[in-house]
Amino acid sequence: MSKNKLINLTIILILIFSIFISVQKTEAVENSEIKISVSPSPSSIPVYYLLENSDLNLKVDIHKNRNIVISKFMKNNIDMALLSTNEAAKLYNKNVDVKLAGVHTWGIFYLLTTDDEISTWKDLKNKNISLPSKGGPMDIVFNYLAEKNGINLSSDLKVRRGKVRELSQLMINDMAETAVLRETFATQVIMNNSEADIILNLQKEWKKETGLDLPQSSLVLHGSFANKEINKEKIKQFNEEYKKAVEWVKKNPQKAADVAEKYMNINKKVSKLSTPRLNLNYKKALNVKNEIENYFKILKNTNPKTIGGEIPDEKFYFQY
C-alpha cells in the first residue's frame, strides 16, 4: 500500500471513529435520566402521564413535604421539581442554584362553609372562620382579599388557626362552619359533608383585585442541569410534552384519576372531582413574569420570609 493510500485510510478511520464517538455521546445525552420530584397530589398527574406517553427517560420521586424537595435541591440530588413558586424564590434567595421554568398551577385556594347565611364577603362579618397557619401564602392571599373587600381579620372575624388537614376534618365532622382550604382538602370536605359548599374561589377573587392570575406552583430546574448546553433541547422537549400532558389531564379527568390511583394511591373520586379546581395551565415563566412579580410583591409586603426576603432578579427565570 502506497504512503498516500495509507494516509487516506488513516484519515477515514479517524473520521469514522469520531462520528461513532459523537453518536455515542448524543445517544447518551438523549437517553440520560431526568430526575424530577413531585408532591403526592393530583397536580402531579401530568408527570406520571409522561412516564407512559413519552420517550423522555424520567425518574420520578414523590416528596411527602416541601422540606424533602428543598433538601434535594440544596444537595443537587434532583434536576427539576414541581414546587410552590414562593418556595422556589426562597431557594434562590438562599443562593441555591435554581431556575423557574414555568407555572403549572394557578391557585387552589377556596372558602367553604356550611352556613346558609354566608354567600358573599360582607356576610363573613362577625362570623367564626377557620384559617390556615398565619403567615403562609394561603393566609396572605385570604387576608389581602378580605381587606380589599372591607373585612378586617382582627375586628370583623372570630378566627381559629390550624393546619389545613385539621381544619378539613373539623368541617367534615361539623365542628367548624367556615374555613379556607386548598385542594384536595376542599373536595374531601364536600364529599364527606353534604352541607358544605364553596362560596368563594379565591383565585377568581385575586384576579378581580389584581387583574392577574395567581401563579401558585411551578416547574423548577436545578441550575447545574439547566445551564448545561447539552440539556437545552431536552428541557425544551420536556416543557412541550409537559404542557400537552397538562391539557390531557384537564380533558380526561377519569383517565387522569386512574393514573393518580396507580402511581400515587389517590382515591379516584377525589382526584376526578378536584381536577377542575386545580387550575392547571402550563405557561413559561418569562411569559407570566408580571403575574409572578405581583404575587411576590404582595407576599413580601405581608411576610418577606415567604419569598426569602427579596423579589428574585432576572437570573431567576430560565431562558429557552
C-alpha atoms as a PDB file:
ATOM      1  CA  MET A   1       0.000   0.000   0.000  1.00  0.00           C
ATOM      2  CA  SER A   2       1.333   3.406  -1.010  1.00  0.00           C
ATOM      3  CA  LYS A   3       2.079   6.039   1.559  1.00  0.00           C
ATOM      4  CA  ASN A   4      -0.747   8.328   0.265  1.00  0.00           C
ATOM      5  CA  LYS A   5      -3.301   5.496   0.423  1.00  0.00           C
ATOM      6  CA  LEU A   6      -2.203   4.700   3.960  1.00  0.00           C
ATOM      7  CA  ILE A   7      -2.618   8.335   4.977  1.00  0.00           C
ATOM      8  CA  ASN A   8      -6.089   8.490   3.371  1.00  0.00           C
ATOM      9  CA  LEU A   9      -7.153   5.264   5.060  1.00  0.00           C
ATOM     10  CA  THR A  10      -5.945   6.576   8.409  1.00  0.00           C
ATOM     11  CA  ILE A  11      -7.928   9.813   7.929  1.00  0.00           C
ATOM     12  CA  ILE A  12     -11.056   7.852   7.004  1.00  0.00           C
ATOM     13  CA  LEU A  13     -10.702   5.619  10.065  1.00  0.00           C
ATOM     14  CA  ILE A  14     -10.247   8.651  12.314  1.00  0.00           C
ATOM     15  CA  LEU A  15     -13.378  10.287  10.840  1.00  0.00           C
ATOM     16  CA  ILE A  16     -15.406   7.098  11.293  1.00  0.00           C
ATOM     17  CA  PHE A  17     -14.201   6.786  14.875  1.00  0.00           C
ATOM     18  CA  SER A  18     -15.025  10.452  15.583  1.00  0.00           C
ATOM     19  CA  ILE A  19     -18.528  10.055  14.149  1.00  0.00           C
ATOM     20  CA  PHE A  20     -19.037   6.907  16.223  1.00  0.00           C
ATOM     21  CA  ILE A  21     -17.965   8.671  19.428  1.00  0.00           C
ATOM     22  CA  SER A  22     -20.190  11.654  18.590  1.00  0.00           C
ATOM     23  CA  VAL A  23     -23.210   9.390  18.021  1.00  0.00           C
ATOM     24  CA  GLN A  24     -22.500   7.568  21.271  1.00  0.00           C
ATOM     25  CA  LYS A  25     -22.342  10.849  23.167  1.00  0.00           C
ATOM     26  CA  THR A  26     -25.546  12.121  21.525  1.00  0.00           C
ATOM     27  CA  GLU A  27     -27.387   8.929  22.408  1.00  0.00           C
ATOM     28  CA  ALA A  28     -26.084   9.116  25.978  1.00  0.00           C
ATOM     29  CA  VAL A  29     -27.387  12.678  26.312  1.00  0.00           C
ATOM     30  CA  GLU A  30     -30.738  11.807  24.758  1.00  0.00           C
ATOM     31  CA  ASN A  31     -31.195   8.755  26.946  1.00  0.00           C
ATOM     32  CA  SER A  32     -29.796  10.212  30.155  1.00  0.00           C
ATOM     33  CA  GLU A  33     -32.125  10.204  33.118  1.00  0.00           C
ATOM     34  CA  ILE A  34     -34.087  13.262  34.227  1.00  0.00           C
ATOM     35  CA  LYS A  35     -34.672  13.209  37.977  1.00  0.00           C
ATOM     36  CA  ILE A  36     -37.853  15.018  38.974  1.00  0.00           C
ATOM     37  CA  SER A  37     -39.504  15.314  42.382  1.00  0.00           C
ATOM     38  CA  VAL A  38     -43.267  15.835  42.729  1.00  0.00           C
ATOM     39  CA  SER A  39     -45.844  16.063  45.511  1.00  0.00           C
ATOM     40  CA  PRO A  40     -48.361  13.223  46.092  1.00  0.00           C
ATOM     41  CA  SER A  41     -51.282  15.247  44.723  1.00  0.00           C
ATOM     42  CA  PRO A  42     -53.413  15.353  41.558  1.00  0.00           C
ATOM     43  CA  SER A  43     -51.354  18.311  40.304  1.00  0.00           C
ATOM     44  CA  SER A  44     -48.535  15.806  39.685  1.00  0.00           C
ATOM     45  CA  ILE A  45     -50.607  13.609  37.352  1.00  0.00           C
ATOM     46  CA  PRO A  46     -49.156  15.182  34.149  1.00  0.00           C
ATOM     47  CA  VAL A  47     -45.669  13.977  35.118  1.00  0.00           C
ATOM     48  CA  TYR A  48     -46.894  10.430  35.639  1.00  0.00           C
ATOM     49  CA  TYR A  49     -48.779  10.610  32.353  1.00  0.00           C
ATOM     50  CA  LEU A  50     -45.435  11.348  30.680  1.00  0.00           C
ATOM     51  CA  LEU A  51     -43.961   8.188  32.186  1.00  0.00           C
ATOM     52  CA  GLU A  52     -46.282   6.176  29.971  1.00  0.00           C
ATOM     53  CA  ASN A  53     -46.617   8.509  27.000  1.00  0.00           C
ATOM     54  CA  SER A  54     -43.194   9.993  26.355  1.00  0.00           C
ATOM     55  CA  ASP A  55     -39.751   8.813  25.279  1.00  0.00           C
ATOM     56  CA  LEU A  56     -38.181  11.021  27.952  1.00  0.00           C
ATOM     57  CA  ASN A  57     -36.182   8.985  30.455  1.00  0.00           C
ATOM     58  CA  LEU A  58     -37.848  10.201  33.653  1.00  0.00           C
ATOM     59  CA  LYS A  59     -37.135   9.117  37.194  1.00  0.00           C
ATOM     60  CA  VAL A  60     -39.991  10.405  39.357  1.00  0.00           C
ATOM     61  CA  ASP A  61     -39.761  10.666  43.142  1.00  0.00           C
ATOM     62  CA  ILE A  62     -42.558  11.756  45.454  1.00  0.00           C
ATOM     63  CA  HIS A  63     -41.715  14.247  48.197  1.00  0.00           C
ATOM     64  CA  LYS A  64     -44.087  13.953  51.157  1.00  0.00           C
ATOM     65  CA  ASN A  65     -43.355  17.508  52.289  1.00  0.00           C
ATOM     66  CA  ARG A  66     -41.594  20.568  50.939  1.00  0.00           C
ATOM     67  CA  ASN A  67     -38.565  20.149  53.218  1.00  0.00           C
ATOM     68  CA  ILE A  68     -37.624  16.971  51.368  1.00  0.00           C
ATOM     69  CA  VAL A  69     -37.572  18.573  47.932  1.00  0.00           C
ATOM     70  CA  ILE A  70     -35.824  21.678  49.289  1.00  0.00           C
ATOM     71  CA  SER A  71     -33.114  19.440  50.741  1.00  0.00           C
ATOM     72  CA  LYS A  72     -32.769  17.618  47.421  1.00  0.00           C
ATOM     73  CA  PHE A  73     -32.296  20.892  45.565  1.00  0.00           C
ATOM     74  CA  MET A  74     -29.741  22.127  48.084  1.00  0.00           C
ATOM     75  CA  LYS A  75     -27.774  18.877  47.749  1.00  0.00           C
ATOM     76  CA  ASN A  76     -28.147  18.869  43.950  1.00  0.00           C
ATOM     77  CA  ASN A  77     -29.828  15.449  44.038  1.00  0.00           C
ATOM     78  CA  ILE A  78     -32.570  16.288  41.517  1.00  0.00           C
ATOM     79  CA  ASP A  79     -32.778  18.003  38.136  1.00  0.00           C
ATOM     80  CA  MET A  80     -36.243  19.507  38.471  1.00  0.00           C
ATOM     81  CA  ALA A  81     -39.312  19.571  40.696  1.00  0.00           C
ATOM     82  CA  LEU A  82     -42.887  20.747  40.971  1.00  0.00           C
ATOM     83  CA  LEU A  83     -42.701  23.262  43.799  1.00  0.00           C
ATOM     84  CA  SER A  84     -44.592  26.232  45.222  1.00  0.00           C
ATOM     85  CA  THR A  85     -43.472  29.330  43.346  1.00  0.00           C
ATOM     86  CA  ASN A  86     -42.646  31.179  46.562  1.00  0.00           C
ATOM     87  CA  GLU A  87     -40.511  28.235  47.773  1.00  0.00           C
ATOM     88  CA  ALA A  88     -38.507  28.473  44.565  1.00  0.00           C
ATOM     89  CA  ALA A  89     -37.887  32.144  45.352  1.00  0.00           C
ATOM     90  CA  LYS A  90     -36.773  31.241  48.881  1.00  0.00           C
ATOM     91  CA  LEU A  91     -34.255  28.750  47.488  1.00  0.00           C
ATOM     92  CA  TYR A  92     -32.956  31.338  45.030  1.00  0.00           C
ATOM     93  CA  ASN A  93     -32.531  33.882  47.827  1.00  0.00           C
ATOM     94  CA  LYS A  94     -30.554  31.273  49.793  1.00  0.00           C
ATOM     95  CA  ASN A  95     -28.147  31.185  46.839  1.00  0.00           C
ATOM     96  CA  VAL A  96     -29.296  27.738  45.769  1.00  0.00           C
ATOM     97  CA  ASP A  97     -28.849  27.484  42.008  1.00  0.00           C
ATOM     98  CA  VAL A  98     -32.441  27.139  40.782  1.00  0.00           C
ATOM     99  CA  LYS A  99     -34.282  28.405  37.711  1.00  0.00           C
ATOM    100  CA  LEU A 100     -38.008  28.949  37.270  1.00  0.00           C
ATOM    101  CA  ALA A 101     -39.101  27.263  34.035  1.00  0.00           C
ATOM    102  CA  GLY A 102     -42.868  27.661  34.105  1.00  0.00           C
ATOM    103  CA  VAL A 103     -46.033  27.952  36.172  1.00  0.00           C
ATOM    104  CA  HIS A 104     -48.364  24.946  36.156  1.00  0.00           C
ATOM    105  CA  THR A 105     -50.939  25.629  38.914  1.00  0.00           C
ATOM    106  CA  TRP A 106     -52.843  28.883  39.157  1.00  0.00           C
ATOM    107  CA  GLY A 107     -54.202  28.710  42.681  1.00  0.00           C
ATOM    108  CA  ILE A 108     -56.074  26.023  44.613  1.00  0.00           C
ATOM    109  CA  PHE A 109     -57.458  28.131  47.494  1.00  0.00           C
ATOM    110  CA  TYR A 110     -61.160  28.123  48.373  1.00  0.00           C
ATOM    111  CA  LEU A 111     -63.522  29.422  51.062  1.00  0.00           C
ATOM    112  CA  LEU A 112     -66.032  26.785  52.144  1.00  0.00           C
ATOM    113  CA  THR A 113     -68.984  26.983  54.507  1.00  0.00           C
ATOM    114  CA  THR A 114     -71.976  25.049  55.814  1.00  0.00           C
ATOM    115  CA  ASP A 115     -73.655  28.294  56.879  1.00  0.00           C
ATOM    116  CA  ASP A 116     -76.584  29.182  54.607  1.00  0.00           C
ATOM    117  CA  GLU A 117     -76.303  32.824  55.671  1.00  0.00           C
ATOM    118  CA  ILE A 118     -72.883  33.236  54.042  1.00  0.00           C
ATOM    119  CA  SER A 119     -72.570  33.793  50.294  1.00  0.00           C
ATOM    120  CA  THR A 120     -70.518  36.999  49.951  1.00  0.00           C
ATOM    121  CA  TRP A 121     -67.603  38.736  51.636  1.00  0.00           C
ATOM    122  CA  LYS A 122     -69.849  41.034  53.678  1.00  0.00           C
ATOM    123  CA  ASP A 123     -71.695  38.009  55.077  1.00  0.00           C
ATOM    124  CA  LEU A 124     -68.489  36.959  56.839  1.00  0.00           C
ATOM    125  CA  LYS A 125     -68.604  39.828  59.333  1.00  0.00           C
ATOM    126  CA  ASN A 126     -68.862  38.650  62.947  1.00  0.00           C
ATOM    127  CA  LYS A 127     -68.681  35.011  61.841  1.00  0.00           C
ATOM    128  CA  ASN A 128     -66.396  32.238  63.073  1.00  0.00           C
ATOM    129  CA  ILE A 129     -63.819  31.253  60.478  1.00  0.00           C
ATOM    130  CA  SER A 130     -61.013  28.677  60.449  1.00  0.00           C
ATOM    131  CA  LEU A 131     -57.828  29.808  58.732  1.00  0.00           C
ATOM    132  CA  PRO A 132     -54.508  28.087  57.970  1.00  0.00           C
ATOM    133  CA  SER A 133     -51.401  28.847  59.988  1.00  0.00           C
ATOM    134  CA  LYS A 134     -50.534  32.548  59.973  1.00  0.00           C
ATOM    135  CA  GLY A 135     -48.011  33.990  57.536  1.00  0.00           C
ATOM    136  CA  GLY A 136     -48.143  31.469  54.701  1.00  0.00           C
ATOM    137  CA  PRO A 137     -49.254  32.158  51.104  1.00  0.00           C
ATOM    138  CA  MET A 138     -52.829  30.897  51.620  1.00  0.00           C
ATOM    139  CA  ASP A 139     -53.275  33.049  54.722  1.00  0.00           C
ATOM    140  CA  ILE A 140     -51.756  36.077  52.999  1.00  0.00           C
ATOM    141  CA  VAL A 141     -53.940  35.674  49.908  1.00  0.00           C
ATOM    142  CA  PHE A 142     -57.102  35.422  52.007  1.00  0.00           C
ATOM    143  CA  ASN A 143     -56.109  38.345  54.247  1.00  0.00           C
ATOM    144  CA  TYR A 144     -55.276  40.522  51.229  1.00  0.00           C
ATOM    145  CA  LEU A 145     -58.595  39.763  49.539  1.00  0.00           C
ATOM    146  CA  ALA A 146     -60.589  40.179  52.758  1.00  0.00           C
ATOM    147  CA  GLU A 147     -59.146  43.651  53.326  1.00  0.00           C
ATOM    148  CA  LYS A 148     -59.876  44.608  49.720  1.00  0.00           C
ATOM    149  CA  ASN A 149     -63.488  43.605  50.395  1.00  0.00           C
ATOM    150  CA  GLY A 150     -63.834  45.561  53.614  1.00  0.00           C
ATOM    151  CA  ILE A 151     -63.141  42.742  56.075  1.00  0.00           C
ATOM    152  CA  ASN A 152     -60.670  43.222  58.932  1.00  0.00           C
ATOM    153  CA  LEU A 153     -59.466  39.883  60.307  1.00  0.00           C
ATOM    154  CA  SER A 154     -58.835  41.323  63.767  1.00  0.00           C
ATOM    155  CA  SER A 155     -62.111  43.153  64.320  1.00  0.00           C
ATOM    156  CA  ASP A 156     -64.632  41.604  61.916  1.00  0.00           C
ATOM    157  CA  LEU A 157     -63.928  37.871  62.221  1.00  0.00           C
ATOM    158  CA  LYS A 158     -63.614  35.320  65.011  1.00  0.00           C
ATOM    159  CA  VAL A 159     -60.557  33.455  63.773  1.00  0.00           C
ATOM    160  CA  ARG A 160     -59.361  29.966  64.646  1.00  0.00           C
ATOM    161  CA  ARG A 161     -56.000  28.815  63.301  1.00  0.00           C
ATOM    162  CA  GLY A 162     -54.813  25.343  62.410  1.00  0.00           C
ATOM    163  CA  LYS A 163     -53.186  23.106  59.828  1.00  0.00           C
ATOM    164  CA  VAL A 164     -55.232  22.581  56.687  1.00  0.00           C
ATOM    165  CA  ARG A 165     -55.656  18.847  57.322  1.00  0.00           C
ATOM    166  CA  GLU A 166     -57.006  19.571  60.810  1.00  0.00           C
ATOM    167  CA  LEU A 167     -59.370  22.271  59.559  1.00  0.00           C
ATOM    168  CA  SER A 168     -60.787  19.984  56.892  1.00  0.00           C
ATOM    169  CA  GLN A 169     -61.507  17.309  59.492  1.00  0.00           C
ATOM    170  CA  LEU A 170     -63.269  19.868  61.671  1.00  0.00           C
ATOM    171  CA  MET A 171     -65.547  20.779  58.770  1.00  0.00           C
ATOM    172  CA  ILE A 172     -66.203  17.152  57.891  1.00  0.00           C
ATOM    173  CA  ASN A 173     -67.246  16.500  61.491  1.00  0.00           C
ATOM    174  CA  ASP A 174     -69.418  19.647  61.746  1.00  0.00           C
ATOM    175  CA  MET A 175     -67.024  21.195  64.257  1.00  0.00           C
ATOM    176  CA  ALA A 176     -66.302  24.195  62.028  1.00  0.00           C
ATOM    177  CA  GLU A 177     -68.724  26.030  59.758  1.00  0.00           C
ATOM    178  CA  THR A 178     -66.436  28.110  57.572  1.00  0.00           C
ATOM    179  CA  ALA A 179     -62.819  27.582  56.518  1.00  0.00           C
ATOM    180  CA  VAL A 180     -60.196  28.481  53.935  1.00  0.00           C
ATOM    181  CA  LEU A 181     -58.851  25.268  52.418  1.00  0.00           C
ATOM    182  CA  ARG A 182     -56.782  24.176  49.472  1.00  0.00           C
ATOM    183  CA  GLU A 183     -57.397  21.294  47.157  1.00  0.00           C
ATOM    184  CA  THR A 184     -57.682  18.327  47.603  1.00  0.00           C
ATOM    185  CA  PHE A 185     -58.930  19.055  51.130  1.00  0.00           C
ATOM    186  CA  ALA A 186     -61.791  21.166  49.768  1.00  0.00           C
ATOM    187  CA  THR A 187     -63.020  18.224  47.689  1.00  0.00           C
ATOM    188  CA  GLN A 188     -62.719  15.837  50.634  1.00  0.00           C
ATOM    189  CA  VAL A 189     -64.888  18.135  52.758  1.00  0.00           C
ATOM    190  CA  ILE A 190     -67.537  18.435  50.038  1.00  0.00           C
ATOM    191  CA  MET A 191     -67.562  14.652  49.593  1.00  0.00           C
ATOM    192  CA  ASN A 192     -67.980  13.982  53.301  1.00  0.00           C
ATOM    193  CA  ASN A 193     -70.248  16.812  54.420  1.00  0.00           C
ATOM    194  CA  SER A 194     -73.327  17.326  52.270  1.00  0.00           C
ATOM    195  CA  GLU A 195     -73.901  20.783  53.781  1.00  0.00           C
ATOM    196  CA  ALA A 196     -70.501  22.106  52.757  1.00  0.00           C
ATOM    197  CA  ASP A 197     -70.046  24.176  49.623  1.00  0.00           C
ATOM    198  CA  ILE A 198     -67.510  26.509  48.044  1.00  0.00           C
ATOM    199  CA  ILE A 199     -68.714  30.092  48.247  1.00  0.00           C
ATOM    200  CA  LEU A 200     -65.574  31.920  47.125  1.00  0.00           C
ATOM    201  CA  ASN A 201     -62.991  30.874  44.571  1.00  0.00           C
ATOM    202  CA  LEU A 202     -60.014  32.850  45.865  1.00  0.00           C
ATOM    203  CA  GLN A 203     -58.228  32.648  42.508  1.00  0.00           C
ATOM    204  CA  LYS A 204     -61.121  34.445  40.791  1.00  0.00           C
ATOM    205  CA  GLU A 205     -61.231  36.970  43.623  1.00  0.00           C
ATOM    206  CA  TRP A 206     -57.475  37.515  43.212  1.00  0.00           C
ATOM    207  CA  LYS A 207     -57.918  38.268  39.531  1.00  0.00           C
ATOM    208  CA  LYS A 208     -60.770  40.680  40.294  1.00  0.00           C
ATOM    209  CA  GLU A 209     -58.484  42.684  42.579  1.00  0.00           C
ATOM    210  CA  THR A 210     -55.149  42.454  40.734  1.00  0.00           C
ATOM    211  CA  GLY A 211     -56.162  41.895  37.126  1.00  0.00           C
ATOM    212  CA  LEU A 212     -53.688  39.000  37.099  1.00  0.00           C
ATOM    213  CA  ASP A 213     -53.757  35.262  37.731  1.00  0.00           C
ATOM    214  CA  LEU A 214     -52.321  33.597  40.843  1.00  0.00           C
ATOM    215  CA  PRO A 215     -49.065  31.741  39.980  1.00  0.00           C
ATOM    216  CA  GLN A 216     -49.058  29.353  42.906  1.00  0.00           C
ATOM    217  CA  SER A 217     -46.923  26.376  41.804  1.00  0.00           C
ATOM    218  CA  SER A 218     -44.185  25.970  39.239  1.00  0.00           C
ATOM    219  CA  LEU A 219     -41.719  23.750  37.455  1.00  0.00           C
ATOM    220  CA  VAL A 220     -38.302  24.498  38.930  1.00  0.00           C
ATOM    221  CA  LEU A 221     -34.945  23.430  37.490  1.00  0.00           C
ATOM    222  CA  HIS A 222     -31.624  22.974  39.227  1.00  0.00           C
ATOM    223  CA  GLY A 223     -29.070  25.308  37.675  1.00  0.00           C
ATOM    224  CA  SER A 224     -26.453  22.590  37.235  1.00  0.00           C
ATOM    225  CA  PHE A 225     -28.924  20.772  34.991  1.00  0.00           C
ATOM    226  CA  ALA A 226     -30.482  23.792  33.288  1.00  0.00           C
ATOM    227  CA  ASN A 227     -27.216  25.569  32.467  1.00  0.00           C
ATOM    228  CA  LYS A 228     -25.639  22.694  30.542  1.00  0.00           C
ATOM    229  CA  GLU A 229     -25.942  23.297  26.817  1.00  0.00           C
ATOM    230  CA  ILE A 230     -26.445  19.577  26.171  1.00  0.00           C
ATOM    231  CA  ASN A 231     -29.651  19.706  28.260  1.00  0.00           C
ATOM    232  CA  LYS A 232     -31.282  22.647  26.461  1.00  0.00           C
ATOM    233  CA  GLU A 233     -33.114  20.549  23.869  1.00  0.00           C
ATOM    234  CA  LYS A 234     -34.098  18.009  26.489  1.00  0.00           C
ATOM    235  CA  ILE A 235     -35.638  20.732  28.680  1.00  0.00           C
ATOM    236  CA  LYS A 236     -37.421  22.216  25.673  1.00  0.00           C
ATOM    237  CA  GLN A 237     -38.842  18.785  24.838  1.00  0.00           C
ATOM    238  CA  PHE A 238     -39.930  18.237  28.444  1.00  0.00           C
ATOM    239  CA  ASN A 239     -41.698  21.598  28.556  1.00  0.00           C
ATOM    240  CA  GLU A 240     -43.550  20.953  25.297  1.00  0.00           C
ATOM    241  CA  GLU A 241     -44.626  17.459  26.320  1.00  0.00           C
ATOM    242  CA  TYR A 242     -45.476  18.545  29.864  1.00  0.00           C
ATOM    243  CA  LYS A 243     -47.787  21.252  28.526  1.00  0.00           C
ATOM    244  CA  LYS A 244     -49.589  18.647  26.393  1.00  0.00           C
ATOM    245  CA  ALA A 245     -49.827  16.335  29.420  1.00  0.00           C
ATOM    246  CA  VAL A 246     -51.471  19.101  31.447  1.00  0.00           C
ATOM    247  CA  GLU A 247     -54.059  19.577  28.699  1.00  0.00           C
ATOM    248  CA  TRP A 248     -54.688  15.817  28.579  1.00  0.00           C
ATOM    249  CA  VAL A 249     -55.387  15.754  32.333  1.00  0.00           C
ATOM    250  CA  LYS A 250     -57.885  18.608  32.028  1.00  0.00           C
ATOM    251  CA  LYS A 251     -59.720  16.911  29.157  1.00  0.00           C
ATOM    252  CA  ASN A 252     -59.638  13.398  30.637  1.00  0.00           C
ATOM    253  CA  PRO A 253     -60.378  13.620  34.387  1.00  0.00           C
ATOM    254  CA  GLN A 254     -61.483   9.977  34.666  1.00  0.00           C
ATOM    255  CA  LYS A 255     -58.383   8.586  32.945  1.00  0.00           C
ATOM    256  CA  ALA A 256     -56.275  11.046  34.909  1.00  0.00           C
ATOM    257  CA  ALA A 257     -57.832   9.674  38.102  1.00  0.00           C
ATOM    258  CA  ASP A 258     -56.712   6.188  37.052  1.00  0.00           C
ATOM    259  CA  VAL A 259     -53.136   7.471  36.712  1.00  0.00           C
ATOM    260  CA  ALA A 260     -53.338   9.133  40.145  1.00  0.00           C
ATOM    261  CA  GLU A 261     -54.525   5.926  41.764  1.00  0.00           C
ATOM    262  CA  LYS A 262     -51.872   3.822  40.020  1.00  0.00           C
ATOM    263  CA  TYR A 263     -48.858   5.945  40.859  1.00  0.00           C
ATOM    264  CA  MET A 264     -49.855   7.920  43.958  1.00  0.00           C
ATOM    265  CA  ASN A 265     -52.627   5.827  45.508  1.00  0.00           C
ATOM    266  CA  ILE A 266     -55.041   8.769  45.403  1.00  0.00           C
ATOM    267  CA  ASN A 267     -58.748   7.984  45.678  1.00  0.00           C
ATOM    268  CA  LYS A 268     -60.199   8.088  42.151  1.00  0.00           C
ATOM    269  CA  LYS A 269     -63.260  10.070  43.144  1.00  0.00           C
ATOM    270  CA  VAL A 270     -61.216  12.713  44.984  1.00  0.00           C
ATOM    271  CA  SER A 271     -58.865  13.072  42.037  1.00  0.00           C
ATOM    272  CA  LYS A 272     -61.635  13.294  39.432  1.00  0.00           C
ATOM    273  CA  LEU A 273     -63.689  15.847  41.383  1.00  0.00           C
ATOM    274  CA  SER A 274     -60.716  18.012  42.350  1.00  0.00           C
ATOM    275  CA  THR A 275     -59.068  18.185  38.905  1.00  0.00           C
ATOM    276  CA  PRO A 276     -61.228  21.075  37.564  1.00  0.00           C
ATOM    277  CA  ARG A 277     -60.386  23.092  40.687  1.00  0.00           C
ATOM    278  CA  LEU A 278     -56.616  22.595  40.353  1.00  0.00           C
ATOM    279  CA  ASN A 279     -56.441  25.363  37.726  1.00  0.00           C
ATOM    280  CA  LEU A 280     -53.771  23.567  35.722  1.00  0.00           C
ATOM    281  CA  ASN A 281     -52.345  25.531  32.804  1.00  0.00           C
ATOM    282  CA  TYR A 282     -48.665  25.397  31.961  1.00  0.00           C
ATOM    283  CA  LYS A 283     -47.056  28.683  30.904  1.00  0.00           C
ATOM    284  CA  LYS A 284     -43.418  29.683  30.501  1.00  0.00           C
ATOM    285  CA  ALA A 285     -42.241  31.700  33.492  1.00  0.00           C
ATOM    286  CA  LEU A 286     -40.864  34.509  31.338  1.00  0.00           C
ATOM    287  CA  ASN A 287     -44.264  34.903  29.687  1.00  0.00           C
ATOM    288  CA  VAL A 288     -46.010  35.400  33.032  1.00  0.00           C
ATOM    289  CA  LYS A 289     -43.343  37.395  34.823  1.00  0.00           C
ATOM    290  CA  ASN A 290     -45.816  40.182  35.706  1.00  0.00           C
ATOM    291  CA  GLU A 291     -48.078  37.674  37.463  1.00  0.00           C
ATOM    292  CA  ILE A 292     -45.156  36.185  39.375  1.00  0.00           C
ATOM    293  CA  GLU A 293     -43.690  39.502  40.481  1.00  0.00           C
ATOM    294  CA  ASN A 294     -47.106  40.831  41.516  1.00  0.00           C
ATOM    295  CA  TYR A 295     -47.625  37.707  43.647  1.00  0.00           C
ATOM    296  CA  PHE A 296     -44.168  38.048  45.200  1.00  0.00           C
ATOM    297  CA  LYS A 297     -44.733  41.740  45.929  1.00  0.00           C
ATOM    298  CA  ILE A 298     -47.921  41.044  47.883  1.00  0.00           C
ATOM    299  CA  LEU A 299     -46.303  38.160  49.775  1.00  0.00           C
ATOM    300  CA  LYS A 300     -43.285  40.315  50.600  1.00  0.00           C
ATOM    301  CA  ASN A 301     -45.410  43.224  51.845  1.00  0.00           C
ATOM    302  CA  THR A 302     -47.053  40.939  54.413  1.00  0.00           C
ATOM    303  CA  ASN A 303     -44.304  38.440  55.222  1.00  0.00           C
ATOM    304  CA  PRO A 304     -40.941  38.744  53.400  1.00  0.00           C
ATOM    305  CA  LYS A 305     -39.910  35.322  54.719  1.00  0.00           C
ATOM    306  CA  THR A 306     -42.365  33.657  52.325  1.00  0.00           C
ATOM    307  CA  ILE A 307     -40.055  34.511  49.413  1.00  0.00           C
ATOM    308  CA  GLY A 308     -36.753  34.579  51.274  1.00  0.00           C
ATOM    309  CA  GLY A 309     -36.623  38.353  51.669  1.00  0.00           C
ATOM    310  CA  GLU A 310     -36.332  39.792  48.184  1.00  0.00           C
ATOM    311  CA  ILE A 311     -38.107  39.525  44.848  1.00  0.00           C
ATOM    312  CA  PRO A 312     -35.771  37.481  42.587  1.00  0.00           C
ATOM    313  CA  ASP A 313     -33.974  39.193  39.714  1.00  0.00           C
ATOM    314  CA  GLU A 314     -33.816  38.257  36.025  1.00  0.00           C
ATOM    315  CA  LYS A 315     -31.428  35.343  36.599  1.00  0.00           C
ATOM    316  CA  PHE A 316     -34.198  33.512  38.427  1.00  0.00           C
ATOM    317  CA  TYR A 317     -36.036  32.901  35.153  1.00  0.00           C
ATOM    318  CA  PHE A 318     -34.971  30.109  32.820  1.00  0.00           C
ATOM    319  CA  GLN A 319     -34.267  31.287  29.281  1.00  0.00           C
ATOM    320  CA  TYR A 320     -35.324  28.920  26.472  1.00  0.00           C
END
